[in-house]
């Protein structure tokens, strides 16, 4: 994960430490998940219907 992706993930979690912790743990436990897509999915949840 790049620094830019980390910043975008923090923005998507709106700075909430628990949300960021959960999102980071999700990505860490699923190395094949694309970080950019995951961040986009949690930023716009209605777009995909669910987070993989």
PDB file of N, CA and C in Angstrom:
ATOM      1  N   UNK A   1       0.848  -1.163   0.000  1.00  0.00           N
ATOM      2  CA  UNK A   1       0.000   0.000   0.000  1.00  0.00           C
ATOM      3  C   UNK A   1       0.898   1.232   0.000  1.00  0.00           C
ATOM      4  N   UNK A   2       0.609   2.152  -0.891  1.00  0.00           N
ATOM      5  CA  UNK A   2       1.409   3.369  -0.985  1.00  0.00           C
ATOM      6  C   UNK A   2       0.966   4.385   0.068  1.00  0.00           C
ATOM      7  N   UNK A   3       1.783   5.410   0.250  1.00  0.00           N
ATOM      8  CA  UNK A   3       1.407   6.492   1.168  1.00  0.00           C
ATOM      9  C   UNK A   3       0.117   7.159   0.709  1.00  0.00           C
ATOM     10  N   UNK A   4      -0.016   7.352  -0.592  1.00  0.00           N
ATOM     11  CA  UNK A   4      -1.223   7.992  -1.140  1.00  0.00           C
ATOM     12  C   UNK A   4      -2.454   7.134  -0.867  1.00  0.00           C
ATOM     13  N   UNK A   5      -2.331   5.826  -1.025  1.00  0.00           N
ATOM     14  CA  UNK A   5      -3.458   4.932  -0.738  1.00  0.00           C
ATOM     15  C   UNK A   5      -3.812   4.981   0.748  1.00  0.00           C
ATOM     16  N   UNK A   6      -2.813   5.081   1.600  1.00  0.00           N
ATOM     17  CA  UNK A   6      -3.067   5.177   3.043  1.00  0.00           C
ATOM     18  C   UNK A   6      -3.826   6.447   3.385  1.00  0.00           C
ATOM     19  N   UNK A   7      -3.437   7.550   2.748  1.00  0.00           N
ATOM     20  CA  UNK A   7      -4.127   8.826   2.977  1.00  0.00           C
ATOM     21  C   UNK A   7      -5.577   8.734   2.510  1.00  0.00           C
ATOM     22  N   UNK A   8      -5.791   8.142   1.343  1.00  0.00           N
ATOM     23  CA  UNK A   8      -7.157   8.000   0.827  1.00  0.00           C
ATOM     24  C   UNK A   8      -8.004   7.099   1.723  1.00  0.00           C
ATOM     25  N   UNK A   9      -7.410   6.047   2.248  1.00  0.00           N
ATOM     26  CA  UNK A   9      -8.136   5.166   3.158  1.00  0.00           C
ATOM     27  C   UNK A   9      -8.521   5.920   4.428  1.00  0.00           C
ATOM     28  N   UNK A  10      -7.612   6.710   4.961  1.00  0.00           N
ATOM     29  CA  UNK A  10      -7.916   7.510   6.155  1.00  0.00           C
ATOM     30  C   UNK A  10      -9.039   8.498   5.870  1.00  0.00           C
ATOM     31  N   UNK A  11      -9.027   9.100   4.691  1.00  0.00           N
ATOM     32  CA  UNK A  11     -10.120  10.024   4.313  1.00  0.00           C
ATOM     33  C   UNK A  11     -11.442   9.281   4.215  1.00  0.00           C
ATOM     34  N   UNK A  12     -11.412   8.097   3.626  1.00  0.00           N
ATOM     35  CA  UNK A  12     -12.640   7.311   3.485  1.00  0.00           C
ATOM     36  C   UNK A  12     -13.211   6.935   4.853  1.00  0.00           C
ATOM     37  N   UNK A  13     -12.330   6.765   5.827  1.00  0.00           N
ATOM     38  CA  UNK A  13     -12.768   6.429   7.187  1.00  0.00           C
ATOM     39  C   UNK A  13     -13.067   7.691   7.999  1.00  0.00           C
ATOM     40  N   UNK A  14     -13.018   8.817   7.355  1.00  0.00           N
ATOM     41  CA  UNK A  14     -13.266  10.146   7.932  1.00  0.00           C
ATOM     42  C   UNK A  14     -12.523  10.374   9.247  1.00  0.00           C
ATOM     43  N   UNK A  15     -11.330   9.799   9.329  1.00  0.00           N
ATOM     44  CA  UNK A  15     -10.482  10.039  10.491  1.00  0.00           C
ATOM     45  C   UNK A  15     -10.868   9.278  11.740  1.00  0.00           C
ATOM     46  N   UNK A  16     -11.855   8.403  11.656  1.00  0.00           N
ATOM     47  CA  UNK A  16     -12.264   7.631  12.827  1.00  0.00           C
ATOM     48  C   UNK A  16     -11.268   6.498  13.051  1.00  0.00           C
ATOM     49  N   UNK A  17     -10.567   6.508  14.173  1.00  0.00           N
ATOM     50  CA  UNK A  17      -9.519   5.496  14.406  1.00  0.00           C
ATOM     51  C   UNK A  17     -10.019   4.055  14.322  1.00  0.00           C
ATOM     52  N   UNK A  18     -11.186   3.756  14.868  1.00  0.00           N
ATOM     53  CA  UNK A  18     -11.678   2.382  14.838  1.00  0.00           C
ATOM     54  C   UNK A  18     -12.004   1.972  13.400  1.00  0.00           C
ATOM     55  N   UNK A  19     -12.625   2.855  12.638  1.00  0.00           N
ATOM     56  CA  UNK A  19     -12.938   2.547  11.237  1.00  0.00           C
ATOM     57  C   UNK A  19     -11.663   2.299  10.445  1.00  0.00           C
ATOM     58  N   UNK A  20     -10.658   3.114  10.677  1.00  0.00           N
ATOM     59  CA  UNK A  20      -9.386   2.950   9.980  1.00  0.00           C
ATOM     60  C   UNK A  20      -8.719   1.632  10.385  1.00  0.00           C
ATOM     61  N   UNK A  21      -8.776   1.296  11.658  1.00  0.00           N
ATOM     62  CA  UNK A  21      -8.201   0.040  12.140  1.00  0.00           C
ATOM     63  C   UNK A  21      -8.885  -1.159  11.469  1.00  0.00           C
ATOM     64  N   UNK A  22     -10.209  -1.130  11.408  1.00  0.00           N
ATOM     65  CA  UNK A  22     -10.970  -2.228  10.804  1.00  0.00           C
ATOM     66  C   UNK A  22     -10.658  -2.336   9.313  1.00  0.00           C
ATOM     67  N   UNK A  23     -10.625  -1.202   8.630  1.00  0.00           N
ATOM     68  CA  UNK A  23     -10.336  -1.208   7.194  1.00  0.00           C
ATOM     69  C   UNK A  23      -8.927  -1.720   6.921  1.00  0.00           C
ATOM     70  N   UNK A  24      -7.968  -1.280   7.705  1.00  0.00           N
ATOM     71  CA  UNK A  24      -6.588  -1.730   7.521  1.00  0.00           C
ATOM     72  C   UNK A  24      -6.460  -3.228   7.810  1.00  0.00           C
ATOM     73  N   UNK A  25      -7.142  -3.709   8.835  1.00  0.00           N
ATOM     74  CA  UNK A  25      -7.110  -5.139   9.153  1.00  0.00           C
ATOM     75  C   UNK A  25      -7.739  -5.947   8.021  1.00  0.00           C
ATOM     76  N   UNK A  26      -8.813  -5.422   7.439  1.00  0.00           N
ATOM     77  CA  UNK A  26      -9.462  -6.093   6.313  1.00  0.00           C
ATOM     78  C   UNK A  26      -8.475  -6.243   5.156  1.00  0.00           C
ATOM     79  N   UNK A  27      -7.800  -5.160   4.827  1.00  0.00           N
ATOM     80  CA  UNK A  27      -6.846  -5.200   3.721  1.00  0.00           C
ATOM     81  C   UNK A  27      -5.654  -6.104   4.033  1.00  0.00           C
ATOM     82  N   UNK A  28      -5.177  -6.058   5.256  1.00  0.00           N
ATOM     83  CA  UNK A  28      -4.025  -6.881   5.636  1.00  0.00           C
ATOM     84  C   UNK A  28      -4.354  -8.369   5.547  1.00  0.00           C
ATOM     85  N   UNK A  29      -5.562  -8.726   5.943  1.00  0.00           N
ATOM     86  CA  UNK A  29      -5.934 -10.141   5.940  1.00  0.00           C
ATOM     87  C   UNK A  29      -6.348 -10.642   4.563  1.00  0.00           C
ATOM     88  N   UNK A  30      -6.489  -9.726   3.613  1.00  0.00           N
ATOM     89  CA  UNK A  30      -6.885 -10.088   2.252  1.00  0.00           C
ATOM     90  C   UNK A  30      -5.930  -9.422   1.253  1.00  0.00           C
ATOM     91  N   UNK A  31      -4.724  -9.959   1.116  1.00  0.00           N
ATOM     92  CA  UNK A  31      -3.711  -9.302   0.291  1.00  0.00           C
ATOM     93  C   UNK A  31      -4.075  -9.180  -1.187  1.00  0.00           C
ATOM     94  N   UNK A  32      -5.022  -9.981  -1.667  1.00  0.00           N
ATOM     95  CA  UNK A  32      -5.400  -9.880  -3.081  1.00  0.00           C
ATOM     96  C   UNK A  32      -6.441  -8.794  -3.349  1.00  0.00           C
ATOM     97  N   UNK A  33      -6.990  -8.202  -2.299  1.00  0.00           N
ATOM     98  CA  UNK A  33      -7.966  -7.123  -2.475  1.00  0.00           C
ATOM     99  C   UNK A  33      -7.230  -5.873  -2.936  1.00  0.00           C
ATOM    100  N   UNK A  34      -7.749  -5.247  -3.977  1.00  0.00           N
ATOM    101  CA  UNK A  34      -7.161  -4.013  -4.496  1.00  0.00           C
ATOM    102  C   UNK A  34      -7.497  -2.865  -3.543  1.00  0.00           C
ATOM    103  N   UNK A  35      -6.477  -2.223  -3.003  1.00  0.00           N
ATOM    104  CA  UNK A  35      -6.676  -1.163  -2.004  1.00  0.00           C
ATOM    105  C   UNK A  35      -7.454   0.016  -2.577  1.00  0.00           C
ATOM    106  N   UNK A  36      -7.198   0.371  -3.835  1.00  0.00           N
ATOM    107  CA  UNK A  36      -7.925   1.496  -4.442  1.00  0.00           C
ATOM    108  C   UNK A  36      -9.407   1.179  -4.588  1.00  0.00           C
ATOM    109  N   UNK A  37      -9.714  -0.025  -5.021  1.00  0.00           N
ATOM    110  CA  UNK A  37     -11.128  -0.394  -5.186  1.00  0.00           C
ATOM    111  C   UNK A  37     -11.820  -0.468  -3.828  1.00  0.00           C
ATOM    112  N   UNK A  38     -11.154  -1.056  -2.838  1.00  0.00           N
ATOM    113  CA  UNK A  38     -11.731  -1.143  -1.501  1.00  0.00           C
ATOM    114  C   UNK A  38     -12.044   0.245  -0.961  1.00  0.00           C
ATOM    115  N   UNK A  39     -11.100   1.172  -1.114  1.00  0.00           N
ATOM    116  CA  UNK A  39     -11.312   2.542  -0.645  1.00  0.00           C
ATOM    117  C   UNK A  39     -12.478   3.188  -1.379  1.00  0.00           C
ATOM    118  N   UNK A  40     -12.559   2.984  -2.674  1.00  0.00           N
ATOM    119  CA  UNK A  40     -13.687   3.533  -3.439  1.00  0.00           C
ATOM    120  C   UNK A  40     -15.005   2.916  -2.972  1.00  0.00           C
ATOM    121  N   UNK A  41     -14.992   1.613  -2.698  1.00  0.00           N
ATOM    122  CA  UNK A  41     -16.212   0.933  -2.246  1.00  0.00           C
ATOM    123  C   UNK A  41     -16.704   1.469  -0.908  1.00  0.00           C
ATOM    124  N   UNK A  42     -15.790   1.701   0.029  1.00  0.00           N
ATOM    125  CA  UNK A  42     -16.255   2.195   1.327  1.00  0.00           C
ATOM    126  C   UNK A  42     -16.555   3.693   1.278  1.00  0.00           C
ATOM    127  N   UNK A  43     -16.021   4.380   0.284  1.00  0.00           N
ATOM    128  CA  UNK A  43     -16.330   5.801   0.125  1.00  0.00           C
ATOM    129  C   UNK A  43     -17.711   6.012  -0.473  1.00  0.00           C
ATOM    130  N   UNK A  44     -18.148   5.052  -1.295  1.00  0.00           N
ATOM    131  CA  UNK A  44     -19.441   5.130  -2.000  1.00  0.00           C
ATOM    132  C   UNK A  44     -20.132   3.777  -1.881  1.00  0.00           C
ATOM    133  N   UNK A  45     -20.629   3.434  -0.688  1.00  0.00           N
ATOM    134  CA  UNK A  45     -21.165   2.084  -0.472  1.00  0.00           C
ATOM    135  C   UNK A  45     -22.357   1.729  -1.358  1.00  0.00           C
ATOM    136  N   UNK A  46     -23.157   2.671  -1.760  1.00  0.00           N
ATOM    137  CA  UNK A  46     -24.309   2.374  -2.600  1.00  0.00           C
ATOM    138  C   UNK A  46     -23.919   2.001  -4.018  1.00  0.00           C
ATOM    139  N   UNK A  47     -22.703   2.320  -4.406  1.00  0.00           N
ATOM    140  CA  UNK A  47     -22.257   2.042  -5.761  1.00  0.00           C
ATOM    141  C   UNK A  47     -22.124   0.549  -6.032  1.00  0.00           C
ATOM    142  N   UNK A  48     -21.659  -0.209  -5.057  1.00  0.00           N
ATOM    143  CA  UNK A  48     -21.443  -1.642  -5.270  1.00  0.00           C
ATOM    144  C   UNK A  48     -22.400  -2.509  -4.472  1.00  0.00           C
ATOM    145  N   UNK A  49     -23.007  -1.960  -3.468  1.00  0.00           N
ATOM    146  CA  UNK A  49     -23.938  -2.728  -2.657  1.00  0.00           C
ATOM    147  C   UNK A  49     -23.299  -3.415  -1.460  1.00  0.00           C
ATOM    148  N   UNK A  50     -22.015  -3.764  -1.582  1.00  0.00           N
ATOM    149  CA  UNK A  50     -21.337  -4.383  -0.450  1.00  0.00           C
ATOM    150  C   UNK A  50     -19.835  -4.264  -0.642  1.00  0.00           C
ATOM    151  N   UNK A  51     -19.126  -4.505   0.442  1.00  0.00           N
ATOM    152  CA  UNK A  51     -17.671  -4.497   0.407  1.00  0.00           C
ATOM    153  C   UNK A  51     -17.205  -5.933   0.345  1.00  0.00           C
ATOM    154  N   UNK A  52     -16.332  -6.282  -0.619  1.00  0.00           N
ATOM    155  CA  UNK A  52     -15.875  -7.673  -0.732  1.00  0.00           C
ATOM    156  C   UNK A  52     -15.050  -8.102   0.457  1.00  0.00           C
TER     157      UNK A  52
END
